[in-house]
Amino acid sequence: MAEKISIGNTMYIKVKVMPSSRDESFIKLKENTYRIKVREKAERNMANNRVRTLLAQSLNISENKIHLISGHHSLSKIFSVS
């Protein structure tokens, strides 16, 4: 689930990730709530990197501006966007 929380110039996004999915998708469950499915496995940071790429594409910004804040080894993650 992804909630967008804005503090100053930084936006925080909560994401529920489903790794090793058959198809990739960026599902909006309700306003500011998303579930992201990726094909990559939850190994060696592969799924996290793919989620970061999908977030950058959906927000039309560079991947350099998106950072994983928490949830490195969890399905629920928080990303910051500056």
N, C-alpha and C. Protein backbone atom coordinates (compact mmCIF):
# COMPACT_ATOMS: atom_id res chain seq x y z
N MET A 1 0.83 -1.14 0.00
CA MET A 1 0.00 0.00 0.00
C MET A 1 0.89 1.22 0.00
N ALA A 2 0.55 2.17 -0.78
CA ALA A 2 1.40 3.35 -0.91
C ALA A 2 0.64 4.59 -0.55
N GLU A 3 1.04 5.22 0.51
CA GLU A 3 0.47 6.49 0.87
C GLU A 3 1.51 7.54 0.59
N LYS A 4 1.08 8.66 0.04
CA LYS A 4 2.00 9.76 -0.22
C LYS A 4 1.88 10.75 0.92
N ILE A 5 2.95 10.98 1.62
CA ILE A 5 2.99 11.92 2.72
C ILE A 5 4.06 12.94 2.37
N SER A 6 3.71 14.22 2.42
CA SER A 6 4.64 15.25 2.01
C SER A 6 5.07 16.07 3.23
N ILE A 7 6.38 16.21 3.42
CA ILE A 7 6.94 17.02 4.48
C ILE A 7 8.02 17.89 3.84
N GLY A 8 7.77 19.20 3.78
CA GLY A 8 8.73 20.10 3.14
C GLY A 8 8.83 19.76 1.66
N ASN A 9 10.05 19.57 1.18
CA ASN A 9 10.28 19.23 -0.22
C ASN A 9 10.37 17.73 -0.45
N THR A 10 10.23 16.95 0.61
CA THR A 10 10.36 15.50 0.52
C THR A 10 8.98 14.85 0.62
N MET A 11 8.72 13.89 -0.26
CA MET A 11 7.47 13.14 -0.23
C MET A 11 7.82 11.71 0.18
N TYR A 12 7.04 11.14 1.09
CA TYR A 12 7.24 9.76 1.52
C TYR A 12 6.11 8.91 0.94
N ILE A 13 6.47 7.76 0.38
CA ILE A 13 5.50 6.87 -0.24
C ILE A 13 5.59 5.51 0.43
N LYS A 14 4.46 5.02 0.95
CA LYS A 14 4.39 3.68 1.52
C LYS A 14 3.94 2.73 0.42
N VAL A 15 4.64 1.60 0.31
CA VAL A 15 4.38 0.66 -0.78
C VAL A 15 4.29 -0.76 -0.23
N LYS A 16 3.31 -1.51 -0.71
CA LYS A 16 3.20 -2.95 -0.44
C LYS A 16 3.69 -3.66 -1.69
N VAL A 17 4.77 -4.42 -1.57
CA VAL A 17 5.41 -5.05 -2.73
C VAL A 17 5.08 -6.54 -2.75
N MET A 18 4.81 -7.05 -3.96
CA MET A 18 4.58 -8.47 -4.16
C MET A 18 5.63 -8.98 -5.15
N PRO A 19 6.76 -9.49 -4.64
CA PRO A 19 7.82 -9.98 -5.53
C PRO A 19 7.47 -11.33 -6.14
N SER A 20 8.22 -11.71 -7.15
CA SER A 20 8.06 -13.00 -7.84
C SER A 20 6.66 -13.19 -8.41
N SER A 21 6.05 -12.10 -8.88
CA SER A 21 4.72 -12.17 -9.48
C SER A 21 4.83 -12.58 -10.94
N ARG A 22 3.77 -13.14 -11.45
CA ARG A 22 3.75 -13.55 -12.86
C ARG A 22 3.80 -12.32 -13.77
N ASP A 23 3.01 -11.29 -13.43
CA ASP A 23 2.97 -10.06 -14.21
C ASP A 23 3.34 -8.88 -13.33
N GLU A 24 3.91 -7.84 -13.94
CA GLU A 24 4.18 -6.62 -13.21
C GLU A 24 2.96 -5.72 -13.26
N SER A 25 2.67 -5.07 -12.15
CA SER A 25 1.56 -4.12 -12.14
C SER A 25 1.77 -3.09 -11.05
N PHE A 26 1.12 -1.97 -11.26
CA PHE A 26 1.15 -0.84 -10.34
C PHE A 26 -0.31 -0.57 -10.04
N ILE A 27 -0.85 -1.18 -8.99
CA ILE A 27 -2.28 -1.19 -8.72
C ILE A 27 -2.64 -0.12 -7.70
N LYS A 28 -3.58 0.74 -8.09
CA LYS A 28 -4.08 1.76 -7.17
C LYS A 28 -5.29 1.18 -6.46
N LEU A 29 -5.17 0.97 -5.14
CA LEU A 29 -6.25 0.38 -4.36
C LEU A 29 -7.28 1.41 -3.96
N LYS A 30 -6.83 2.56 -3.55
CA LYS A 30 -7.67 3.72 -3.25
C LYS A 30 -6.77 4.94 -3.33
N GLU A 31 -7.31 6.09 -3.02
CA GLU A 31 -6.51 7.30 -3.17
C GLU A 31 -5.20 7.19 -2.39
N ASN A 32 -4.09 7.37 -3.10
CA ASN A 32 -2.73 7.31 -2.54
C ASN A 32 -2.37 5.96 -1.93
N THR A 33 -3.00 4.90 -2.36
CA THR A 33 -2.70 3.56 -1.87
C THR A 33 -2.45 2.64 -3.06
N TYR A 34 -1.26 2.02 -3.08
CA TYR A 34 -0.85 1.19 -4.21
C TYR A 34 -0.30 -0.15 -3.75
N ARG A 35 -0.42 -1.12 -4.63
CA ARG A 35 0.25 -2.41 -4.47
C ARG A 35 1.04 -2.61 -5.76
N ILE A 36 2.34 -2.87 -5.61
CA ILE A 36 3.20 -3.02 -6.77
C ILE A 36 3.65 -4.47 -6.87
N LYS A 37 3.36 -5.08 -8.01
CA LYS A 37 3.81 -6.45 -8.28
C LYS A 37 4.99 -6.39 -9.23
N VAL A 38 6.05 -7.14 -8.90
CA VAL A 38 7.23 -7.20 -9.76
C VAL A 38 7.62 -8.65 -10.00
N ARG A 39 8.25 -8.89 -11.11
CA ARG A 39 8.68 -10.25 -11.46
C ARG A 39 9.92 -10.68 -10.71
N GLU A 40 10.75 -9.73 -10.33
CA GLU A 40 12.01 -10.04 -9.67
C GLU A 40 11.78 -10.69 -8.31
N LYS A 41 12.71 -11.54 -7.93
CA LYS A 41 12.66 -12.20 -6.64
C LYS A 41 13.11 -11.23 -5.55
N ALA A 42 12.73 -11.54 -4.33
CA ALA A 42 13.13 -10.73 -3.18
C ALA A 42 14.51 -11.18 -2.71
N GLU A 43 15.47 -11.13 -3.61
CA GLU A 43 16.85 -11.53 -3.32
C GLU A 43 17.79 -10.47 -3.88
N ARG A 44 18.89 -10.26 -3.18
CA ARG A 44 19.97 -9.38 -3.65
C ARG A 44 19.45 -8.02 -4.12
N ASN A 45 18.40 -7.52 -3.46
CA ASN A 45 17.86 -6.18 -3.74
C ASN A 45 17.23 -6.04 -5.12
N MET A 46 16.97 -7.14 -5.81
CA MET A 46 16.43 -7.08 -7.17
C MET A 46 15.01 -6.50 -7.18
N ALA A 47 14.14 -6.97 -6.29
CA ALA A 47 12.76 -6.47 -6.26
C ALA A 47 12.73 -5.00 -5.85
N ASN A 48 13.54 -4.61 -4.88
CA ASN A 48 13.58 -3.21 -4.44
C ASN A 48 14.00 -2.30 -5.58
N ASN A 49 14.99 -2.71 -6.34
CA ASN A 49 15.46 -1.89 -7.47
C ASN A 49 14.38 -1.76 -8.54
N ARG A 50 13.64 -2.82 -8.79
CA ARG A 50 12.59 -2.76 -9.80
C ARG A 50 11.45 -1.86 -9.35
N VAL A 51 11.08 -1.94 -8.07
CA VAL A 51 10.04 -1.07 -7.52
C VAL A 51 10.47 0.39 -7.65
N ARG A 52 11.71 0.65 -7.35
CA ARG A 52 12.25 2.01 -7.47
C ARG A 52 12.16 2.52 -8.91
N THR A 53 12.47 1.66 -9.87
CA THR A 53 12.36 2.01 -11.29
C THR A 53 10.91 2.30 -11.68
N LEU A 54 9.97 1.46 -11.23
CA LEU A 54 8.57 1.68 -11.55
C LEU A 54 8.03 2.96 -10.92
N LEU A 55 8.45 3.26 -9.69
CA LEU A 55 8.03 4.50 -9.05
C LEU A 55 8.56 5.71 -9.83
N ALA A 56 9.82 5.65 -10.25
CA ALA A 56 10.41 6.75 -11.02
C ALA A 56 9.66 6.96 -12.33
N GLN A 57 9.31 5.89 -13.00
CA GLN A 57 8.57 6.00 -14.26
C GLN A 57 7.18 6.58 -14.04
N SER A 58 6.51 6.15 -12.99
CA SER A 58 5.14 6.64 -12.75
C SER A 58 5.13 8.10 -12.31
N LEU A 59 6.18 8.54 -11.63
CA LEU A 59 6.25 9.93 -11.17
C LEU A 59 6.99 10.84 -12.16
N ASN A 60 7.52 10.26 -13.24
CA ASN A 60 8.28 11.00 -14.26
C ASN A 60 9.47 11.75 -13.66
N ILE A 61 10.23 11.06 -12.81
CA ILE A 61 11.43 11.65 -12.23
C ILE A 61 12.58 10.66 -12.35
N SER A 62 13.77 11.12 -12.04
CA SER A 62 14.96 10.27 -12.09
C SER A 62 14.97 9.31 -10.90
N GLU A 63 15.51 8.13 -11.12
CA GLU A 63 15.63 7.15 -10.04
C GLU A 63 16.52 7.66 -8.91
N ASN A 64 17.43 8.58 -9.23
CA ASN A 64 18.34 9.13 -8.22
C ASN A 64 17.60 9.89 -7.13
N LYS A 65 16.39 10.31 -7.41
CA LYS A 65 15.62 11.09 -6.44
C LYS A 65 14.75 10.23 -5.54
N ILE A 66 14.78 8.92 -5.74
CA ILE A 66 13.98 7.99 -4.93
C ILE A 66 14.90 7.13 -4.08
N HIS A 67 14.62 7.11 -2.78
CA HIS A 67 15.47 6.36 -1.84
C HIS A 67 14.60 5.48 -0.95
N LEU A 68 15.04 4.27 -0.73
CA LEU A 68 14.35 3.35 0.17
C LEU A 68 14.74 3.71 1.60
N ILE A 69 13.76 4.12 2.39
CA ILE A 69 14.01 4.56 3.76
C ILE A 69 13.89 3.40 4.75
N SER A 70 12.82 2.62 4.63
CA SER A 70 12.67 1.47 5.53
C SER A 70 11.97 0.33 4.79
N GLY A 71 12.14 -0.87 5.33
CA GLY A 71 11.52 -2.05 4.74
C GLY A 71 12.42 -2.77 3.77
N HIS A 72 13.72 -2.68 3.97
CA HIS A 72 14.67 -3.32 3.06
C HIS A 72 14.43 -4.83 2.94
N HIS A 73 14.02 -5.46 4.03
CA HIS A 73 13.79 -6.91 4.03
C HIS A 73 12.33 -7.24 4.31
N SER A 74 11.45 -6.29 4.04
CA SER A 74 10.03 -6.46 4.31
C SER A 74 9.22 -6.21 3.04
N LEU A 75 7.99 -6.69 3.01
CA LEU A 75 7.11 -6.44 1.87
C LEU A 75 6.51 -5.04 1.92
N SER A 76 6.45 -4.45 3.12
CA SER A 76 5.98 -3.07 3.28
C SER A 76 7.19 -2.16 3.34
N LYS A 77 7.20 -1.16 2.48
CA LYS A 77 8.37 -0.29 2.35
C LYS A 77 7.97 1.16 2.38
N ILE A 78 8.92 2.01 2.72
CA ILE A 78 8.73 3.46 2.65
C ILE A 78 9.86 4.02 1.80
N PHE A 79 9.48 4.74 0.76
CA PHE A 79 10.42 5.42 -0.12
C PHE A 79 10.30 6.92 0.09
N SER A 80 11.42 7.62 -0.02
CA SER A 80 11.38 9.09 -0.01
C SER A 80 11.66 9.57 -1.41
N VAL A 81 10.95 10.63 -1.80
CA VAL A 81 11.13 11.23 -3.11
C VAL A 81 11.47 12.70 -2.88
N SER A 82 12.64 13.11 -3.36
CA SER A 82 13.05 14.50 -3.17
C SER A 82 13.10 15.24 -4.48
